[in-house]
Protein backbone atom coordinates (compact mmCIF):
# COMPACT_ATOMS: atom_id res chain seq x y z
CA MET A 1 -27.95 -61.82 26.84
CA SER A 2 -25.24 -61.67 24.23
CA LEU A 3 -21.72 -60.49 24.86
CA ASN A 4 -22.24 -57.54 22.54
CA SER A 5 -25.37 -56.51 24.36
CA THR A 6 -23.62 -56.67 27.71
CA THR A 7 -20.68 -54.70 26.40
CA ASN A 8 -22.96 -51.95 25.04
CA GLU A 9 -24.81 -51.69 28.34
CA TRP A 10 -21.55 -51.34 30.27
CA ALA A 11 -20.28 -48.77 27.78
CA GLY A 12 -23.47 -46.75 28.11
CA TYR A 13 -23.32 -47.00 31.88
CA LEU A 14 -19.72 -45.86 32.01
CA ALA A 15 -20.41 -42.97 29.62
CA GLN A 16 -23.39 -41.88 31.72
CA GLU A 17 -21.33 -42.10 34.89
CA HIS A 18 -18.48 -40.21 33.23
CA TRP A 19 -20.81 -37.41 32.06
CA ALA A 20 -22.47 -37.25 35.43
CA GLY A 21 -19.05 -36.96 37.03
CA TYR A 22 -18.08 -34.24 34.62
CA VAL A 23 -21.27 -32.30 35.38
CA GLU A 24 -20.76 -32.74 39.09
CA GLN A 25 -17.15 -31.58 38.75
CA ALA A 26 -18.28 -28.58 36.73
CA LYS A 27 -20.66 -27.59 39.50
CA GLN A 28 -17.72 -27.35 41.85
CA VAL A 29 -15.95 -24.76 39.65
CA PRO A 30 -16.34 -21.27 41.17
CA ALA A 31 -18.48 -18.81 39.25
CA SER A 32 -15.52 -16.43 39.03
CA ARG A 33 -13.54 -19.04 37.09
CA TRP A 34 -16.40 -19.47 34.64
CA ALA A 35 -16.46 -15.72 34.16
CA ILE A 36 -12.72 -15.70 33.43
CA LEU A 37 -13.11 -18.57 30.95
CA ALA A 38 -15.95 -16.69 29.26
CA LEU A 39 -13.87 -13.52 29.01
CA ILE A 40 -11.01 -15.46 27.47
CA ASN A 41 -13.09 -17.41 24.99
CA ALA A 42 -15.65 -14.75 24.02
CA PRO A 43 -13.21 -12.67 21.94
CA ILE A 44 -11.92 -15.79 20.20
CA LEU A 45 -15.45 -16.89 19.38
CA ALA A 46 -16.30 -13.36 18.19
CA VAL A 47 -13.31 -13.33 15.86
CA LEU A 48 -14.16 -16.77 14.47
CA PHE A 49 -17.83 -15.88 14.03
CA ASN A 50 -16.88 -12.60 12.34
CA ALA A 51 -14.62 -14.42 9.88
CA LEU A 52 -17.24 -17.11 9.18
CA TRP A 53 -20.02 -14.57 8.72
CA GLN A 54 -18.02 -12.72 6.08
CA LYS A 55 -17.82 -15.97 4.10
CA ILE A 56 -21.44 -17.11 4.35
CA ALA A 57 -23.46 -13.91 4.78
CA PRO A 58 -25.58 -12.97 1.77
CA ARG A 59 -24.43 -9.84 -0.04
CA LYS A 60 -26.28 -7.60 -2.46
CA ALA A 61 -24.93 -7.69 -5.97
CA THR A 62 -24.73 -3.90 -5.88
CA ASP A 63 -22.60 -3.85 -2.72
CA PRO A 64 -18.88 -3.19 -3.28
CA PRO A 65 -16.64 -6.03 -2.05
CA VAL A 66 -15.74 -5.81 1.64
CA VAL A 67 -12.10 -6.18 2.68
CA PHE A 68 -11.75 -9.33 4.77
CA HIS A 69 -10.92 -8.59 8.39
CA TRP A 70 -10.52 -10.76 11.47
CA LEU A 71 -11.44 -8.27 14.19
CA PRO A 72 -15.10 -7.22 14.46
CA ILE A 73 -15.78 -3.48 14.79
CA ILE A 74 -12.05 -2.68 14.57
CA GLY A 75 -12.06 -4.06 11.04
CA SER A 76 -9.07 -2.96 8.96
CA ALA A 77 -8.27 0.04 11.19
CA ILE A 78 -4.86 -1.24 12.32
CA TRP A 79 -3.63 -2.08 8.82
CA TYR A 80 -5.00 1.16 7.39
CA GLY A 81 -3.64 3.25 10.27
CA ASN A 82 -0.12 1.84 10.06
CA ASP A 83 0.27 1.75 6.28
CA PRO A 84 -2.60 3.34 4.35
CA ILE A 85 -0.74 3.38 1.04
CA GLY A 86 0.19 -0.30 1.26
CA PHE A 87 -3.34 -1.09 2.41
CA PHE A 88 -4.94 0.71 -0.55
CA GLN A 89 -2.56 -0.77 -3.10
CA THR A 90 -3.04 -4.34 -1.82
CA CYS A 91 -6.83 -3.96 -1.78
CA GLN A 92 -6.75 -2.43 -5.25
CA GLU A 93 -5.02 -5.56 -6.56
CA ARG A 94 -7.52 -7.86 -4.84
CA TYR A 95 -10.81 -6.04 -5.29
CA GLY A 96 -10.34 -3.38 -7.96
CA ASN A 97 -10.68 0.39 -7.65
CA VAL A 98 -13.83 0.27 -5.51
CA PHE A 99 -14.11 -1.61 -2.22
CA THR A 100 -15.41 -1.16 1.32
CA PHE A 101 -13.51 -1.59 4.56
CA ILE A 102 -14.51 -1.41 8.21
CA LEU A 103 -12.94 1.42 10.22
CA LEU A 104 -13.87 1.18 13.91
CA GLY A 105 -17.46 0.31 13.12
CA ARG A 106 -17.77 2.65 10.14
CA LYS A 107 -18.31 1.35 6.63
CA VAL A 108 -15.94 3.25 4.34
CA THR A 109 -16.09 2.77 0.57
CA VAL A 110 -12.87 3.63 -1.21
CA ALA A 111 -12.70 4.80 -4.84
CA LEU A 112 -9.16 4.88 -6.21
CA GLY A 113 -7.45 6.33 -9.27
CA ALA A 114 -8.15 9.56 -11.11
CA LYS A 115 -11.74 8.51 -11.77
CA GLY A 116 -12.21 7.62 -8.13
CA ASN A 117 -10.92 11.02 -7.04
CA ASN A 118 -13.27 12.75 -9.44
CA PHE A 119 -16.22 10.58 -8.35
CA ILE A 120 -15.84 11.51 -4.67
CA LEU A 121 -14.24 14.95 -4.69
CA GLY A 122 -16.26 16.12 -7.67
CA GLY A 123 -19.53 14.74 -6.34
CA LYS A 124 -22.42 16.91 -5.22
CA SER A 125 -22.20 18.10 -1.63
CA THR A 126 -25.78 16.96 -1.10
CA ALA A 127 -24.65 13.38 -1.72
CA PHE A 128 -21.07 13.40 -0.42
CA ASN A 129 -20.98 15.67 2.60
CA ALA A 130 -17.70 16.94 4.06
CA GLU A 131 -19.30 18.40 7.17
CA GLY A 132 -20.57 15.02 8.28
CA ALA A 133 -17.09 13.54 7.98
CA TYR A 134 -15.02 16.29 9.61
CA THR A 135 -17.06 18.65 11.78
CA HIS A 136 -16.46 16.57 14.93
CA LEU A 137 -12.72 17.15 14.37
CA THR A 138 -12.59 20.73 13.13
CA THR A 139 -15.35 22.47 15.10
CA PRO A 140 -13.76 21.98 18.56
CA VAL A 141 -10.48 23.39 17.17
CA PHE A 142 -11.59 26.13 14.74
CA GLY A 143 -14.86 27.09 16.42
CA LYS A 144 -18.54 27.41 15.56
CA ASP A 145 -20.08 28.68 12.30
CA VAL A 146 -17.01 28.31 10.07
CA VAL A 147 -15.45 25.65 7.82
CA TYR A 148 -17.48 22.44 8.35
CA ASP A 149 -19.69 23.86 11.10
CA CYS A 150 -21.83 25.76 8.63
CA PRO A 151 -23.81 24.96 5.46
CA ASN A 152 -21.63 24.18 2.46
CA GLU A 153 -22.76 27.27 0.54
CA VAL A 154 -21.73 29.49 3.46
CA PHE A 155 -18.34 27.76 3.67
CA MET A 156 -17.84 28.33 -0.06
CA GLN A 157 -18.50 32.06 0.43
CA GLN A 158 -16.07 32.17 3.36
CA LYS A 159 -13.39 30.61 1.18
CA LYS A 160 -13.72 33.39 -1.40
CA ILE A 161 -12.22 36.00 0.88
CA ARG A 162 -9.78 38.44 -0.66
CA GLN A 163 -6.25 37.09 -0.49
CA VAL A 164 -3.51 39.12 1.19
CA ARG A 165 -0.24 38.52 -0.62
CA ALA A 166 2.88 37.47 1.23
CA HIS A 167 6.26 39.09 0.56
CA ASP A 168 9.64 37.77 1.54
CA GLY A 169 10.72 41.19 2.75
CA GLU A 170 8.56 40.82 5.85
CA LEU A 171 10.04 37.38 6.47
CA LEU A 172 13.66 38.52 6.09
CA ARG A 173 13.24 41.32 8.60
CA ASP A 174 12.13 39.01 11.40
CA PRO A 175 15.14 38.56 13.73
CA ARG A 176 13.95 35.14 14.87
CA PHE A 177 14.11 33.84 11.30
CA THR A 178 17.69 34.99 10.76
CA THR A 179 18.93 33.09 13.80
CA TYR A 180 19.05 30.03 11.57
CA GLN A 181 21.78 31.67 9.45
CA GLN A 182 24.13 33.25 11.99
CA ASN A 183 26.88 30.63 12.03
CA ASP A 184 30.19 31.04 10.18
CA VAL A 185 30.15 30.32 6.44
CA ASN A 186 32.60 27.46 6.97
CA GLU A 187 30.61 25.87 9.76
CA TRP A 188 27.81 23.39 9.23
CA GLY A 189 24.82 23.53 11.54
CA SER A 190 21.62 21.47 11.61
CA PHE A 191 17.91 21.88 12.20
CA ASP A 192 14.91 19.61 12.58
CA ALA A 193 12.98 19.90 9.32
CA ILE A 194 9.51 19.90 10.90
CA ALA A 195 10.27 22.12 13.91
CA ALA A 196 12.14 24.72 11.86
CA MET A 197 9.59 24.88 9.05
CA ALA A 198 6.70 25.06 11.52
CA GLU A 199 8.32 28.03 13.25
CA ILE A 200 9.09 29.79 9.99
CA THR A 201 5.53 29.21 8.74
CA ILE A 202 4.07 30.70 11.90
CA LEU A 203 6.38 33.71 11.66
CA THR A 204 5.50 34.23 8.00
CA ALA A 205 1.77 33.98 8.66
CA SER A 206 1.98 36.38 11.57
CA ARG A 207 3.96 38.89 9.48
CA THR A 208 1.83 38.82 6.36
CA LEU A 209 -1.65 37.61 7.31
CA GLN A 210 -2.42 37.62 11.01
CA GLY A 211 -1.73 41.27 11.77
CA LYS A 212 0.38 43.43 14.06
CA GLU A 213 -1.50 42.53 17.24
CA VAL A 214 -1.09 38.81 16.64
CA ARG A 215 2.56 39.24 15.69
CA GLU A 216 3.23 41.09 18.93
CA GLY A 217 1.37 38.38 20.82
CA LEU A 218 3.64 35.57 19.63
CA ASN A 219 5.01 34.98 23.09
CA LYS A 220 5.24 31.96 25.35
CA SER A 221 1.59 32.26 26.37
CA PHE A 222 0.35 32.31 22.75
CA SER A 223 2.67 29.43 21.87
CA GLN A 224 1.19 27.35 24.69
CA LEU A 225 -2.35 28.09 23.50
CA TYR A 226 -1.37 27.05 20.00
CA SER A 227 0.22 23.87 21.31
CA ASP A 228 -2.86 22.95 23.36
CA LEU A 229 -5.16 23.65 20.42
CA ASP A 230 -2.91 21.66 18.12
CA GLY A 231 -3.25 18.73 20.53
CA GLY A 232 -6.87 18.46 19.43
CA PHE A 233 -5.93 17.90 15.80
CA THR A 234 -4.89 14.24 15.89
CA PRO A 235 -6.19 10.90 14.51
CA LEU A 236 -7.62 10.16 17.97
CA ASN A 237 -9.71 13.35 17.83
CA PHE A 238 -10.87 12.44 14.34
CA LEU A 239 -12.15 9.06 15.49
CA PHE A 240 -13.55 10.22 18.85
CA ALA A 241 -14.92 13.75 19.12
CA ASN A 242 -14.94 13.90 22.92
CA LEU A 243 -13.13 11.78 25.47
CA PRO A 244 -12.55 12.47 29.20
CA LEU A 245 -8.87 13.21 28.59
CA GLU A 246 -6.79 16.21 29.65
CA SER A 247 -5.74 16.85 26.03
CA TYR A 248 -9.40 17.38 25.11
CA ARG A 249 -9.93 19.76 28.04
CA LYS A 250 -6.78 21.71 27.08
CA ARG A 251 -8.05 21.91 23.50
CA ASP A 252 -11.38 23.39 24.60
CA ARG A 253 -9.80 25.92 26.98
CA ALA A 254 -7.30 27.00 24.33
CA GLN A 255 -10.01 27.40 21.70
CA LYS A 256 -12.00 29.70 23.99
CA LYS A 257 -8.98 31.83 24.92
CA MET A 258 -7.72 32.13 21.36
CA SER A 259 -11.19 33.00 20.08
CA ASP A 260 -11.51 35.72 22.75
CA PHE A 261 -8.04 36.99 21.79
CA TYR A 262 -9.09 37.56 18.16
CA VAL A 263 -12.53 38.94 19.04
CA ASP A 264 -10.87 41.50 21.32
CA ILE A 265 -8.61 42.63 18.45
CA ILE A 266 -11.62 42.96 16.13
CA LYS A 267 -13.61 44.98 18.66
CA ARG A 268 -10.71 47.36 19.28
CA ARG A 269 -10.32 47.90 15.54
CA ARG A 270 -14.03 48.54 15.06
CA ALA A 271 -13.88 51.09 17.88
CA ASN A 272 -10.81 52.75 16.32
CA PRO A 273 -10.85 52.04 12.55
CA ASP A 274 -8.04 54.54 11.89
CA GLY A 275 -5.68 52.96 14.40
CA ASP A 276 -2.10 51.84 13.79
CA HIS A 277 -2.47 48.58 11.86
CA HIS A 278 -1.71 47.45 8.32
CA TYR A 279 -4.15 45.96 5.85
CA ASP A 280 -4.12 42.29 6.82
CA MET A 281 -6.48 39.32 6.82
CA ILE A 282 -8.51 40.61 9.76
CA ALA A 283 -9.05 43.89 7.91
CA SER A 284 -10.01 41.98 4.78
CA LEU A 285 -12.51 39.81 6.62
CA THR A 286 -14.21 42.75 8.32
CA GLU A 287 -14.95 44.13 4.83
CA GLN A 288 -16.43 40.89 3.50
CA LYS A 289 -20.16 40.32 3.11
CA TYR A 290 -22.16 37.20 2.43
CA ARG A 291 -24.19 36.93 -0.74
CA GLY A 292 -27.27 38.28 1.03
CA GLY A 293 -25.41 41.39 2.20
CA ALA A 294 -24.76 40.38 5.82
CA ALA A 295 -21.30 41.05 7.23
CA LEU A 296 -19.24 38.37 8.92
CA ARG A 297 -19.81 38.33 12.67
CA ASP A 298 -16.90 38.91 15.02
CA HIS A 299 -16.74 35.32 16.23
CA GLU A 300 -16.82 34.06 12.61
CA ILE A 301 -13.83 36.25 11.74
CA ALA A 302 -12.02 35.03 14.86
CA HIS A 303 -12.68 31.38 14.00
CA ILE A 304 -11.61 31.83 10.36
CA MET A 305 -8.36 33.34 11.64
CA ILE A 306 -7.83 30.29 13.87
CA ALA A 307 -8.56 28.00 10.92
CA LEU A 308 -6.04 29.88 8.76
CA LEU A 309 -3.43 29.67 11.50
CA MET A 310 -3.95 25.98 12.29
CA ALA A 311 -4.78 24.31 8.98
CA GLY A 312 -2.46 26.45 6.89
CA GLN A 313 0.44 25.94 9.27
CA HIS A 314 0.13 22.15 9.23
CA THR A 315 -0.01 21.67 5.48
CA SER A 316 2.53 24.37 4.63
CA SER A 317 5.11 23.30 7.20
CA ALA A 318 4.79 19.65 6.13
CA THR A 319 5.30 20.53 2.46
CA LEU A 320 8.25 22.79 3.30
CA ALA A 321 9.84 20.12 5.50
CA TRP A 322 9.61 17.45 2.78
CA THR A 323 10.99 19.89 0.21
CA MET A 324 13.95 20.82 2.40
CA LEU A 325 14.72 17.16 3.04
CA HIS A 326 14.69 16.37 -0.67
CA LEU A 327 16.74 19.43 -1.63
CA ALA A 328 19.28 18.48 1.03
CA SER A 329 19.46 14.98 -0.45
CA ARG A 330 19.83 16.32 -4.01
CA PRO A 331 22.49 19.08 -4.11
CA ASP A 332 22.16 19.17 -7.92
CA VAL A 333 18.50 20.19 -7.70
CA ALA A 334 19.23 22.66 -4.90
CA GLN A 335 21.94 24.23 -7.08
CA SER A 336 19.51 24.55 -10.00
CA LEU A 337 17.06 26.31 -7.71
CA TYR A 338 19.78 28.68 -6.49
CA ASP A 339 20.96 29.37 -10.04
CA GLU A 340 17.41 30.29 -11.03
CA GLN A 341 17.29 32.82 -8.19
CA VAL A 342 20.64 34.30 -9.22
CA GLU A 343 19.61 34.56 -12.86
CA ARG A 344 16.29 36.27 -12.17
CA PHE A 345 16.93 38.26 -8.99
CA GLY A 346 20.70 38.53 -8.58
CA ASN A 347 22.44 41.90 -8.39
CA LYS A 348 26.02 42.54 -9.46
CA ASP A 349 27.17 42.89 -5.86
CA GLY A 350 25.99 39.36 -5.03
CA SER A 351 22.79 40.47 -3.30
CA PHE A 352 19.23 39.69 -4.42
CA ARG A 353 16.34 41.97 -5.21
CA ALA A 354 13.08 41.29 -3.42
CA MET A 355 10.76 38.75 -5.01
CA GLU A 356 7.31 40.03 -5.93
CA TYR A 357 4.20 37.88 -5.90
CA GLU A 358 3.92 37.95 -9.71
CA ASP A 359 7.46 36.54 -10.05
CA LEU A 360 6.29 33.17 -8.75
CA ARG A 361 4.56 32.45 -12.07
CA HIS A 362 7.86 32.60 -13.94
CA LEU A 363 10.13 30.34 -11.92
CA PRO A 364 9.95 26.88 -13.56
CA VAL A 365 12.51 25.17 -11.31
CA LEU A 366 10.84 26.39 -8.13
CA ASP A 367 7.42 25.48 -9.53
CA SER A 368 8.55 21.96 -10.49
CA ILE A 369 10.08 21.33 -7.07
CA ILE A 370 6.87 22.26 -5.25
CA ARG A 371 4.68 20.24 -7.61
CA GLU A 372 6.90 17.16 -7.32
CA THR A 373 6.91 17.39 -3.52
CA LEU A 374 3.12 17.60 -3.45
CA ARG A 375 2.89 14.65 -5.86
CA VAL A 376 4.97 12.35 -3.65
CA HIS A 377 4.01 13.86 -0.27
CA PRO A 378 0.50 15.33 -0.38
CA PRO A 379 -0.34 16.71 3.08
CA ILE A 380 -3.41 14.45 3.41
CA HIS A 381 -3.45 10.86 2.15
CA SER A 382 -7.18 10.23 2.71
CA ILE A 383 -10.12 12.54 2.08
CA MET A 384 -13.46 11.40 3.46
CA ARG A 385 -17.09 12.31 2.90
CA GLN A 386 -20.30 11.19 4.58
CA VAL A 387 -22.86 9.68 2.19
CA ARG A 388 -26.26 11.39 2.46
CA GLU A 389 -28.09 9.36 -0.19
CA ASP A 390 -27.59 6.13 -2.13
CA VAL A 391 -25.05 6.86 -4.86
CA PRO A 392 -24.37 4.59 -7.87
CA VAL A 393 -20.73 4.11 -8.84
CA PRO A 394 -19.96 4.75 -12.54
CA PRO A 395 -19.48 1.41 -14.38
CA SER A 396 -16.14 2.58 -15.79
CA LEU A 397 -14.85 2.95 -12.20
CA ALA A 398 -16.40 -0.14 -10.62
CA ALA A 399 -14.66 -2.93 -12.46
CA PRO A 400 -15.71 -5.68 -12.23
CA ALA A 401 -19.16 -4.16 -11.83
CA SER A 402 -22.31 -5.76 -10.58
CA LYS A 403 -24.22 -7.85 -13.11
CA SER A 404 -27.63 -7.00 -11.70
CA GLY A 405 -29.77 -3.90 -11.71
CA ASN A 406 -28.16 -1.06 -13.64
CA GLY A 407 -24.79 -2.81 -13.67
CA VAL A 408 -23.03 -0.71 -11.03
CA TYR A 409 -22.13 -0.75 -7.38
CA VAL A 410 -24.19 1.45 -5.09
CA VAL A 411 -22.72 3.25 -2.08
CA PRO A 412 -25.45 3.17 0.57
CA LYS A 413 -26.68 6.14 2.54
CA ASP A 414 -25.24 6.80 6.03
CA THR A 415 -21.86 5.26 5.21
CA TYR A 416 -18.61 7.01 4.23
CA VAL A 417 -16.55 7.33 1.07
CA LEU A 418 -12.83 7.92 0.80
CA ALA A 419 -10.55 9.25 -1.95
CA SER A 420 -6.77 8.89 -1.82
CA PRO A 421 -5.12 11.14 -4.43
CA ILE A 422 -1.65 9.87 -3.52
CA ILE A 423 -2.50 6.44 -4.97
CA SER A 424 -2.92 7.88 -8.46
CA GLN A 425 0.03 10.25 -7.90
CA VAL A 426 2.44 7.36 -7.31
CA ASP A 427 0.81 4.86 -9.65
CA PRO A 428 3.67 3.05 -11.45
CA ARG A 429 1.35 2.39 -14.39
CA VAL A 430 1.17 6.14 -14.96
CA TRP A 431 4.44 7.62 -13.69
CA ASN A 432 7.98 6.53 -14.50
CA ASN A 433 9.87 5.80 -11.27
CA ALA A 434 6.69 6.76 -9.49
CA SER A 435 8.06 6.78 -5.95
CA THR A 436 11.18 8.78 -6.87
CA TRP A 437 11.27 12.52 -6.18
CA GLU A 438 12.36 13.94 -9.54
CA PRO A 439 11.33 17.57 -10.26
CA SER A 440 12.69 17.45 -13.81
CA ARG A 441 9.72 15.29 -14.84
CA TRP A 442 7.61 18.47 -14.82
CA SER A 443 9.74 20.03 -17.57
CA ASP A 444 9.54 16.96 -19.82
CA ALA A 445 7.21 18.05 -22.62
CA ALA A 446 6.44 14.44 -23.54
CA GLY A 447 5.87 13.18 -20.00
CA VAL A 448 2.75 12.58 -17.96
CA ALA A 449 3.48 15.60 -15.77
CA ALA A 450 3.29 17.92 -18.78
CA GLN A 451 -0.21 16.62 -19.49
CA ALA A 452 -1.17 17.17 -15.87
CA LEU A 453 0.04 20.78 -16.09
CA HIS A 454 -2.79 21.56 -18.52
CA ALA A 455 -5.15 21.19 -15.57
CA TYR A 456 -3.19 23.91 -13.75
CA THR A 457 -3.49 26.61 -16.42
CA ASP A 458 -6.25 29.05 -17.22
CA GLU A 459 -7.67 29.93 -20.63
CA SER A 460 -4.79 32.33 -21.33
CA GLY A 461 -2.20 29.66 -20.60
CA GLU A 462 -1.14 31.21 -17.29
CA LYS A 463 -0.44 28.85 -14.39
CA ILE A 464 -3.14 28.95 -11.73
CA ASP A 465 -1.79 29.57 -8.23
CA TYR A 466 -3.18 26.85 -5.96
CA GLY A 467 -1.54 28.29 -2.86
CA PHE A 468 2.12 27.76 -3.80
CA GLY A 469 2.88 31.45 -3.24
CA ALA A 470 3.89 31.52 0.44
CA ILE A 471 5.69 28.21 0.16
CA GLY A 472 7.60 29.42 -2.91
CA THR A 473 8.62 32.63 -1.16
CA ILE A 474 10.00 30.77 1.86
CA LEU A 475 11.88 28.23 -0.28
CA ALA A 476 13.43 30.95 -2.41
CA THR A 477 14.44 32.91 0.68
CA LEU A 478 16.04 29.86 2.28
CA ILE A 479 17.93 28.69 -0.80
CA ARG A 480 19.36 32.18 -1.26
CA ARG A 481 20.84 32.04 2.23
CA VAL A 482 22.01 28.48 2.85
CA GLU A 483 23.51 25.36 1.32
CA LEU A 484 21.88 22.09 2.36
CA ARG A 485 22.99 18.51 2.94
CA LEU A 486 21.21 15.44 4.29
CA PRO A 487 23.34 13.08 6.41
CA THR A 488 20.83 10.24 6.08
CA LYS A 489 18.36 9.05 3.47
CA VAL A 490 15.05 10.88 3.07
CA PRO A 491 12.80 9.58 5.87
CA GLU A 492 9.64 7.56 5.32
CA HIS A 493 6.10 8.79 5.94
CA ASN A 494 4.75 8.89 9.47
CA TYR A 495 1.18 7.69 9.03
CA HIS A 496 0.24 8.16 12.68
CA THR A 497 -0.38 11.88 12.18
CA LEU A 498 -3.28 13.52 10.33
CA ILE A 499 -0.84 15.33 8.06
CA LEU A 500 1.82 13.27 6.25
CA MET A 501 4.94 14.09 8.23
CA PRO A 502 8.44 12.57 7.91
CA LYS A 503 9.65 10.06 10.47
CA ASP A 504 12.83 10.57 12.46
CA PRO A 505 15.63 11.23 11.77
CA LYS A 506 14.69 14.38 9.88
CA SER A 507 17.68 16.60 10.63
CA VAL A 508 18.96 18.79 7.77
CA HIS A 509 22.55 20.10 7.71
CA TYR A 510 23.17 23.62 6.42
CA ARG A 511 25.74 26.37 6.19
CA ARG A 512 25.42 30.00 5.28
CA ARG A 513 26.31 30.92 1.70
CA ARG A 514 29.47 32.96 1.29
CA PHE A 515 27.91 35.80 -0.68
CA ASP A 516 24.64 36.02 1.22
């Protein structure tokens, strides 16, 4: 026997003994320790497998590119949730205007830019369905048979209700509103932009839309119901319709009580149609009929009133808060707004005449301020739809497009699509100083904003009111009464709320005008 042969035999023997010892030692390890090791290693292996699979898995040529993500199921949810604008812009640079990302197990295809907005928001409701994306969020808050809890054609008819116009006179007479302006003209006070604008919005809505009974019911009990119902309008509720949490139970109890509150008002009015109440939104809704001639049912009216109170309050108060913050940071713009009010509504004694609804069409400074605020701070940064059928993406949008089939990407059925108007609204390739709040851009005849204004005019050249009326009335009323200053820079967006709110600090300093 050669030396090499002997050495190999001994090596094999030692290796066998070593392995046998290892196996024997492994048998001595308690099962609980193996379970712990498995729990520790399983997530690591899942992450590694998920990353590897994204690299080697076959992909259809018509599938949009998928954003790389380490965490299975969670996908890009953390990045998107913390910084959606940065997430979209980074992905746009890497993948183009069309790409798919994973959001807690959902496949969401994003289409960016003006063409992307038009593709998704202008798509047929039979293909891109809003109800499928939002009903699990809105129905528990608003109630059954309205908004996204009814067929799209019914919702469209509900939206065409007669509008009740808001007037600042009602707002000015509310004693709770004037408490913000009771300090001495030489003394500076402060208010939280969101809290103050939310309260003013609620007061305005109750005065001009919700009716006498609701206005009289704005007490601590109603405020608590509103707060509990508002607790069901969060990103958590959007992702998970029902969880065994107290906030969900409070939401459901508040929805039932608030619905009963409105139904009781409606029944009393039907029983006594000549009673002491003004023509308000409830009165308007009781007169409405669907296309087939059927009247709105009591619970539908009640739930529409809740939707008006909740959804309108969120978006309006957010827009007002951002506007106040910017005006406080730009005294020159605030002064221009005040001068416009003096020029058009000022009396010789230093007072102001009341502003009528029609006046809002002829206030260019006010109009520019609202438009610029909505450009930089739209209330919602992401608008989603559920895909009900396979939908091809236009080749002009999907660049680079697929080279097979008809040359386009295809968004598959049973996934989701997402539009983000803010991406095109702050696109530096389109707007000069895109992230800067500058209302004067809307009066620049040669600028991009002037071109955009053509989309906001009717055939006669009149500006179309897209809901600026109430906001404009409140802003005009406030600027007539107070001077504003901002002790800090304008805060950044808080992306952890459904509506784009400002982060803290968001305190605005003010003092009452001398000739108010």
